[in-house]
C-alpha atoms as a PDB file:
ATOM      1  CA  MET A   1     -97.599 -10.258 -23.023  1.00  0.00           C
ATOM      2  CA  VAL A   2     -96.336 -11.048 -19.538  1.00  0.00           C
ATOM      3  CA  THR A   3     -92.896 -12.583 -19.408  1.00  0.00           C
ATOM      4  CA  VAL A   4     -91.747 -14.741 -16.545  1.00  0.00           C
ATOM      5  CA  SER A   5     -88.116 -15.399 -15.878  1.00  0.00           C
ATOM      6  CA  THR A   6     -87.214 -19.058 -16.159  1.00  0.00           C
ATOM      7  CA  ASN A   7     -86.612 -19.029 -12.424  1.00  0.00           C
ATOM      8  CA  GLY A   8     -89.986 -17.523 -11.543  1.00  0.00           C
ATOM      9  CA  LYS A   9     -90.669 -15.790  -8.248  1.00  0.00           C
ATOM     10  CA  SER A  10     -90.524 -16.924  -4.656  1.00  0.00           C
ATOM     11  CA  TYR A  11     -93.789 -17.045  -2.709  1.00  0.00           C
ATOM     12  CA  ALA A  12     -92.884 -13.789  -0.912  1.00  0.00           C
ATOM     13  CA  GLU A  13     -92.410 -11.979  -4.244  1.00  0.00           C
ATOM     14  CA  LEU A  14     -95.899 -12.836  -5.522  1.00  0.00           C
ATOM     15  CA  GLY A  15     -98.804 -10.404  -5.480  1.00  0.00           C
ATOM     16  CA  PRO A  16    -101.749 -11.093  -3.135  1.00  0.00           C
ATOM     17  CA  ASP A  17    -103.910 -12.910  -5.730  1.00  0.00           C
ATOM     18  CA  ALA A  18    -100.996 -15.027  -6.905  1.00  0.00           C
ATOM     19  CA  GLN A  19    -100.168 -15.927  -3.294  1.00  0.00           C
ATOM     20  CA  VAL A  20    -103.709 -17.242  -2.834  1.00  0.00           C
ATOM     21  CA  THR A  21    -103.341 -19.375  -5.977  1.00  0.00           C
ATOM     22  CA  ALA A  22     -99.961 -20.705  -4.803  1.00  0.00           C
ATOM     23  CA  LEU A  23    -101.303 -21.372  -1.318  1.00  0.00           C
ATOM     24  CA  LYS A  24    -104.332 -23.320  -2.566  1.00  0.00           C
ATOM     25  CA  SER A  25    -102.278 -25.471  -4.923  1.00  0.00           C
ATOM     26  CA  PHE A  26     -99.713 -26.167  -2.190  1.00  0.00           C
ATOM     27  CA  ILE A  27    -102.376 -27.113   0.366  1.00  0.00           C
ATOM     28  CA  ALA A  28    -104.008 -29.530  -2.099  1.00  0.00           C
ATOM     29  CA  PHE A  29    -100.598 -31.110  -2.677  1.00  0.00           C
ATOM     30  CA  TYR A  30     -99.723 -31.141   1.047  1.00  0.00           C
ATOM     31  CA  VAL A  31    -102.981 -32.930   1.906  1.00  0.00           C
ATOM     32  CA  ARG A  32    -102.223 -35.649  -0.695  1.00  0.00           C
ATOM     33  CA  GLN A  33     -98.701 -36.083   0.712  1.00  0.00           C
ATOM     34  CA  TYR A  34    -100.060 -36.146   4.282  1.00  0.00           C
ATOM     35  CA  LYS A  35    -102.438 -38.976   3.381  1.00  0.00           C
ATOM     36  CA  LYS A  36     -99.511 -40.898   1.865  1.00  0.00           C
ATOM     37  CA  GLY A  37     -97.351 -40.238   4.951  1.00  0.00           C
ATOM     38  CA  SER A  38     -94.758 -38.540   2.775  1.00  0.00           C
ATOM     39  CA  LEU A  39     -93.767 -35.309   4.538  1.00  0.00           C
ATOM     40  CA  GLU A  40     -90.124 -36.025   5.417  1.00  0.00           C
ATOM     41  CA  ILE A  41     -88.832 -33.300   3.107  1.00  0.00           C
ATOM     42  CA  LEU A  42     -90.687 -30.582   4.977  1.00  0.00           C
ATOM     43  CA  SER A  43     -89.434 -31.701   8.358  1.00  0.00           C
ATOM     44  CA  ALA A  44     -85.914 -30.840   7.202  1.00  0.00           C
ATOM     45  CA  LYS A  45     -86.956 -27.256   6.327  1.00  0.00           C
ATOM     46  CA  VAL A  46     -89.828 -26.332   8.632  1.00  0.00           C
ATOM     47  CA  SER A  47     -90.306 -26.564  12.394  1.00  0.00           C
ATOM     48  CA  ASN A  48     -92.073 -29.672  13.634  1.00  0.00           C
ATOM     49  CA  GLU A  49     -94.462 -27.393  15.518  1.00  0.00           C
ATOM     50  CA  VAL A  50     -95.794 -25.945  12.236  1.00  0.00           C
ATOM     51  CA  ILE A  51     -96.172 -29.370  10.616  1.00  0.00           C
ATOM     52  CA  SER A  52     -97.768 -30.833  13.764  1.00  0.00           C
ATOM     53  CA  SER A  53    -100.301 -27.999  13.912  1.00  0.00           C
ATOM     54  CA  ILE A  54    -101.353 -28.583  10.293  1.00  0.00           C
ATOM     55  CA  ASN A  55    -101.384 -32.360  10.663  1.00  0.00           C
ATOM     56  CA  GLU A  56    -103.489 -32.226  13.834  1.00  0.00           C
ATOM     57  CA  ILE A  57    -106.232 -30.381  11.949  1.00  0.00           C
ATOM     58  CA  LEU A  58    -105.949 -32.791   9.000  1.00  0.00           C
ATOM     59  CA  ASN A  59    -106.149 -35.739  11.390  1.00  0.00           C
ATOM     60  CA  GLN A  60    -109.234 -34.352  13.157  1.00  0.00           C
ATOM     61  CA  ASN A  61    -110.992 -33.865   9.810  1.00  0.00           C
ATOM     62  CA  GLN A  62    -109.792 -36.942   7.921  1.00  0.00           C
ATOM     63  CA  PHE A  63    -113.397 -38.052   7.422  1.00  0.00           C
ATOM     64  CA  MET A  64    -113.771 -35.212   4.872  1.00  0.00           C
ATOM     65  CA  GLY A  65    -113.245 -35.622   1.150  1.00  0.00           C
ATOM     66  CA  HIS A  66    -110.098 -34.153  -0.422  1.00  0.00           C
ATOM     67  CA  ALA A  67    -111.579 -30.834  -1.632  1.00  0.00           C
ATOM     68  CA  GLU A  68    -113.448 -30.275   1.631  1.00  0.00           C
ATOM     69  CA  LEU A  69    -110.340 -31.105   3.670  1.00  0.00           C
ATOM     70  CA  VAL A  70    -108.210 -28.709   1.597  1.00  0.00           C
ATOM     71  CA  ALA A  71    -110.739 -25.907   2.165  1.00  0.00           C
ATOM     72  CA  GLU A  72    -110.926 -26.623   5.909  1.00  0.00           C
ATOM     73  CA  SER A  73    -107.149 -26.801   6.193  1.00  0.00           C
ATOM     74  CA  LEU A  74    -106.819 -23.470   4.365  1.00  0.00           C
ATOM     75  CA  ARG A  75    -109.327 -21.913   6.739  1.00  0.00           C
ATOM     76  CA  LEU A  76    -107.721 -23.240   9.928  1.00  0.00           C
ATOM     77  CA  SER A  77    -104.017 -23.486   9.027  1.00  0.00           C
ATOM     78  CA  LYS A  78    -103.364 -20.676   6.532  1.00  0.00           C
ATOM     79  CA  PRO A  79    -100.602 -18.956   8.588  1.00  0.00           C
ATOM     80  CA  TYR A  80     -98.742 -22.272   8.934  1.00  0.00           C
ATOM     81  CA  TYR A  81     -98.845 -22.942   5.195  1.00  0.00           C
ATOM     82  CA  GLU A  82     -97.656 -19.390   4.563  1.00  0.00           C
ATOM     83  CA  GLN A  83     -94.686 -20.036   6.864  1.00  0.00           C
ATOM     84  CA  ILE A  84     -93.834 -23.184   4.906  1.00  0.00           C
ATOM     85  CA  LEU A  85     -94.094 -21.488   1.514  1.00  0.00           C
ATOM     86  CA  THR A  86     -91.898 -18.623   2.727  1.00  0.00           C
ATOM     87  CA  LYS A  87     -89.230 -21.169   3.750  1.00  0.00           C
ATOM     88  CA  LEU A  88     -89.393 -23.135   0.468  1.00  0.00           C
ATOM     89  CA  THR A  89     -87.159 -20.687  -1.351  1.00  0.00           C
ATOM     90  CA  ASN A  90     -86.247 -23.296  -3.983  1.00  0.00           C
ATOM     91  CA  ILE A  91     -89.878 -23.420  -5.202  1.00  0.00           C
ATOM     92  CA  HIS A  92     -90.645 -20.785  -7.829  1.00  0.00           C
ATOM     93  CA  PHE A  93     -93.954 -19.531  -9.172  1.00  0.00           C
ATOM     94  CA  THR A  94     -95.212 -17.815 -12.297  1.00  0.00           C
ATOM     95  CA  ASP A  95     -96.702 -14.330 -11.943  1.00  0.00           C
ATOM     96  CA  ASP A  96    -100.155 -15.864 -11.487  1.00  0.00           C
ATOM     97  CA  GLY A  97     -99.057 -18.152  -8.622  1.00  0.00           C
ATOM     98  CA  GLU A  98     -98.713 -21.464 -10.443  1.00  0.00           C
ATOM     99  CA  PRO A  99     -95.574 -23.441  -9.572  1.00  0.00           C
ATOM    100  CA  VAL A 100     -92.955 -23.263 -12.356  1.00  0.00           C
ATOM    101  CA  THR A 101     -92.261 -26.964 -11.742  1.00  0.00           C
ATOM    102  CA  ASP A 102     -95.295 -28.962 -10.656  1.00  0.00           C
ATOM    103  CA  TRP A 103     -95.386 -29.913  -6.975  1.00  0.00           C
ATOM    104  CA  MET A 104     -94.859 -33.650  -7.538  1.00  0.00           C
ATOM    105  CA  THR A 105     -91.735 -33.137  -9.676  1.00  0.00           C
ATOM    106  CA  SER A 106     -90.274 -30.677  -7.156  1.00  0.00           C
ATOM    107  CA  TRP A 107     -91.100 -33.088  -4.329  1.00  0.00           C
ATOM    108  CA  GLU A 108     -89.439 -36.042  -6.061  1.00  0.00           C
ATOM    109  CA  ASP A 109     -86.323 -33.951  -6.756  1.00  0.00           C
ATOM    110  CA  GLN A 110     -86.150 -33.033  -3.064  1.00  0.00           C
ATOM    111  CA  GLU A 111     -86.698 -36.665  -1.967  1.00  0.00           C
ATOM    112  CA  GLU A 112     -83.712 -37.737  -4.074  1.00  0.00           C
ATOM    113  CA  LYS A 113     -81.552 -35.249  -2.162  1.00  0.00           C
ATOM    114  CA  LEU A 114     -82.507 -36.601   1.258  1.00  0.00           C
ATOM    115  CA  PRO A 115     -79.777 -38.538   3.051  1.00  0.00           C
ATOM    116  CA  THR A 116     -80.442 -42.259   2.876  1.00  0.00           C
ATOM    117  CA  GLU A 117     -79.987 -44.717   5.683  1.00  0.00           C
ATOM    118  CA  ASP A 118     -77.659 -47.665   5.155  1.00  0.00           C
END
């Protein structure tokens, strides 16, 4: 039986197969958030250049369906997503690369911590 600490592992601590799993699940989530225009959280943690590079490819291929767009984005933007996942040190994964807390819950927790405008 494999035991996972309650904290899980950071993206950088995962094995190669688990990193692929984490990457694919993050890209699928990122694409959904991109389509909703809900990427403010990342802009506080990641350079705008990285986000702009990913979003440019998503924008050019927005005619694609979700699964196709995720696959294309993985193919063309993998190093950018890896940079993001390396910076998201508060996101933890199980040994097989699944997020300990699902992406949407983690995202909502982060949104609540954003400074609000009066």
